Amino acid sequence: MKLPGPNHPITVTPSSDHVVVRVGERVIADTSKSLVLQESTYPAVRYVPLADVDQSQLRRTETSTHCPYKGDAGYYTITGEPELTDVVWFYEQPYEAVREIAGHVAFYASHVSVTVD
């Protein structure tokens, strides 16, 4: 486990922006309670409460990855047409430095449409 610091800062900021995630015309998530995770020089990532995601369109996969700053990530596939494999990720038990993202998911913006108002 690595701790965020001056050389690799991580911030998690609550946002009341309206965020909608779509695949084509299908709404996958709709929230005004997202979190914005800014890690070092990477692009900011929106984490959406799982409660604000249409979970009937998700199927958990066996895929997992590890981030030394956030912990072990699991993945969901968005079902339907088209099926998008492993485009949603989450940290069930994130490290203490980013504990706020527990219960939230993030989406690969290259595969879904994420609009923020």
Protein backbone atom coordinates (compact mmCIF):
# COMPACT_ATOMS: atom_id res chain seq x y z
CA MET A 1 0.00 0.00 0.00
CA LYS A 2 1.22 3.47 -0.89
CA LEU A 3 0.01 6.66 0.75
CA PRO A 4 -0.87 9.74 -1.25
CA GLY A 5 1.53 12.62 -0.69
CA PRO A 6 3.18 15.59 -2.37
CA ASN A 7 4.59 13.45 -5.20
CA HIS A 8 1.29 11.59 -5.78
CA PRO A 9 -1.65 13.55 -4.33
CA ILE A 10 -5.18 12.17 -4.33
CA THR A 11 -8.29 14.15 -3.45
CA VAL A 12 -11.91 13.02 -3.29
CA THR A 13 -14.43 15.86 -3.53
CA PRO A 14 -18.23 15.55 -3.27
CA SER A 15 -20.10 17.13 -6.17
CA SER A 16 -23.73 18.13 -6.63
CA ASP A 17 -23.31 18.31 -10.43
CA HIS A 18 -25.94 16.35 -12.34
CA VAL A 19 -24.16 13.35 -13.89
CA VAL A 20 -25.81 11.01 -16.41
CA VAL A 21 -24.09 7.94 -17.84
CA ARG A 22 -25.50 6.49 -21.06
CA VAL A 23 -24.81 3.75 -23.55
CA GLY A 24 -26.49 5.04 -26.69
CA GLU A 25 -29.93 6.15 -25.50
CA ARG A 26 -29.95 3.84 -22.45
CA VAL A 27 -29.42 5.57 -19.11
CA ILE A 28 -27.10 3.52 -16.92
CA ALA A 29 -26.68 6.03 -14.06
CA ASP A 30 -28.22 9.33 -13.02
CA THR A 31 -27.03 11.18 -9.92
CA SER A 32 -26.43 14.50 -8.22
CA LYS A 33 -24.22 12.85 -5.59
CA SER A 34 -21.04 11.95 -7.43
CA LEU A 35 -17.50 12.13 -6.10
CA VAL A 36 -14.62 13.57 -8.11
CA LEU A 37 -11.38 11.69 -7.54
CA GLN A 38 -8.29 13.58 -8.68
CA GLU A 39 -5.17 11.43 -8.61
CA SER A 40 -1.82 13.05 -9.33
CA THR A 41 -1.74 14.29 -12.93
CA TYR A 42 -4.35 11.82 -14.23
CA PRO A 43 -7.69 13.08 -15.54
CA ALA A 44 -10.32 13.44 -12.80
CA VAL A 45 -12.71 10.49 -12.44
CA ARG A 46 -16.37 10.68 -11.42
CA TYR A 47 -17.48 8.03 -8.95
CA VAL A 48 -21.25 7.49 -8.89
CA PRO A 49 -23.13 5.97 -5.94
CA LEU A 50 -24.05 2.38 -6.84
CA ALA A 51 -27.56 3.19 -5.55
CA ASP A 52 -27.92 5.66 -8.47
CA VAL A 53 -26.95 3.07 -11.10
CA ASP A 54 -29.47 0.83 -12.89
CA GLN A 55 -27.98 -2.37 -11.53
CA SER A 56 -30.24 -4.50 -13.74
CA GLN A 57 -27.88 -3.49 -16.58
CA LEU A 58 -24.73 -4.64 -14.75
CA ARG A 59 -23.13 -8.06 -14.37
CA ARG A 60 -20.16 -8.50 -12.07
CA THR A 61 -17.17 -10.18 -13.69
CA GLU A 62 -14.21 -12.10 -12.32
CA THR A 63 -11.80 -9.36 -13.40
CA SER A 64 -9.79 -7.64 -10.69
CA THR A 65 -6.89 -5.23 -10.63
CA HIS A 66 -4.82 -3.63 -7.92
CA CYS A 67 -3.93 0.01 -7.36
CA PRO A 68 -1.25 0.60 -4.73
CA TYR A 69 -3.02 3.84 -3.69
CA LYS A 70 -6.67 2.72 -3.74
CA GLY A 71 -6.71 -1.06 -3.25
CA ASP A 72 -8.26 -3.95 -5.16
CA ALA A 73 -10.78 -3.10 -7.89
CA GLY A 74 -13.61 -5.27 -9.15
CA TYR A 75 -15.46 -4.83 -12.44
CA TYR A 76 -18.90 -4.93 -14.01
CA THR A 77 -19.96 -5.51 -17.58
CA ILE A 78 -22.81 -3.39 -18.91
CA THR A 79 -25.26 -5.88 -20.39
CA GLY A 80 -27.56 -5.43 -23.39
CA GLU A 81 -26.72 -4.26 -26.87
CA PRO A 82 -23.94 -3.53 -27.09
CA GLU A 83 -22.49 -5.51 -24.19
CA LEU A 84 -19.52 -3.62 -22.75
CA THR A 85 -17.14 -5.86 -20.83
CA ASP A 86 -15.38 -4.56 -17.71
CA VAL A 87 -16.19 -0.87 -18.33
CA VAL A 88 -17.36 -0.20 -14.77
CA TRP A 89 -15.01 -0.50 -11.81
CA PHE A 90 -15.30 -0.19 -8.06
CA TYR A 91 -13.37 -0.62 -4.84
CA GLU A 92 -15.36 -2.63 -2.27
CA GLN A 93 -12.79 -2.00 0.43
CA PRO A 94 -10.71 0.98 -0.67
CA TYR A 95 -7.71 2.04 1.32
CA GLU A 96 -8.30 4.56 4.10
CA ALA A 97 -6.99 7.52 2.07
CA VAL A 98 -9.88 7.13 -0.41
CA ARG A 99 -12.48 5.45 1.80
CA GLU A 100 -15.20 7.78 0.46
CA ILE A 101 -15.33 5.87 -2.85
CA ALA A 102 -16.68 2.72 -1.18
CA GLY A 103 -20.18 2.09 -2.50
CA HIS A 104 -19.43 4.01 -5.70
CA VAL A 105 -18.55 2.96 -9.25
CA ALA A 106 -16.65 4.63 -12.07
CA PHE A 107 -17.03 4.24 -15.83
CA TYR A 108 -14.51 4.17 -18.67
CA ALA A 109 -15.56 7.35 -20.48
CA SER A 110 -14.14 5.97 -23.74
CA HIS A 111 -16.97 3.37 -23.75
CA VAL A 112 -19.93 5.30 -22.33
CA SER A 113 -21.26 8.82 -22.54
CA VAL A 114 -20.85 10.79 -19.30
CA THR A 115 -22.59 14.17 -19.23
CA VAL A 116 -22.14 16.63 -16.40
CA ASP A 117 -24.44 19.65 -15.88
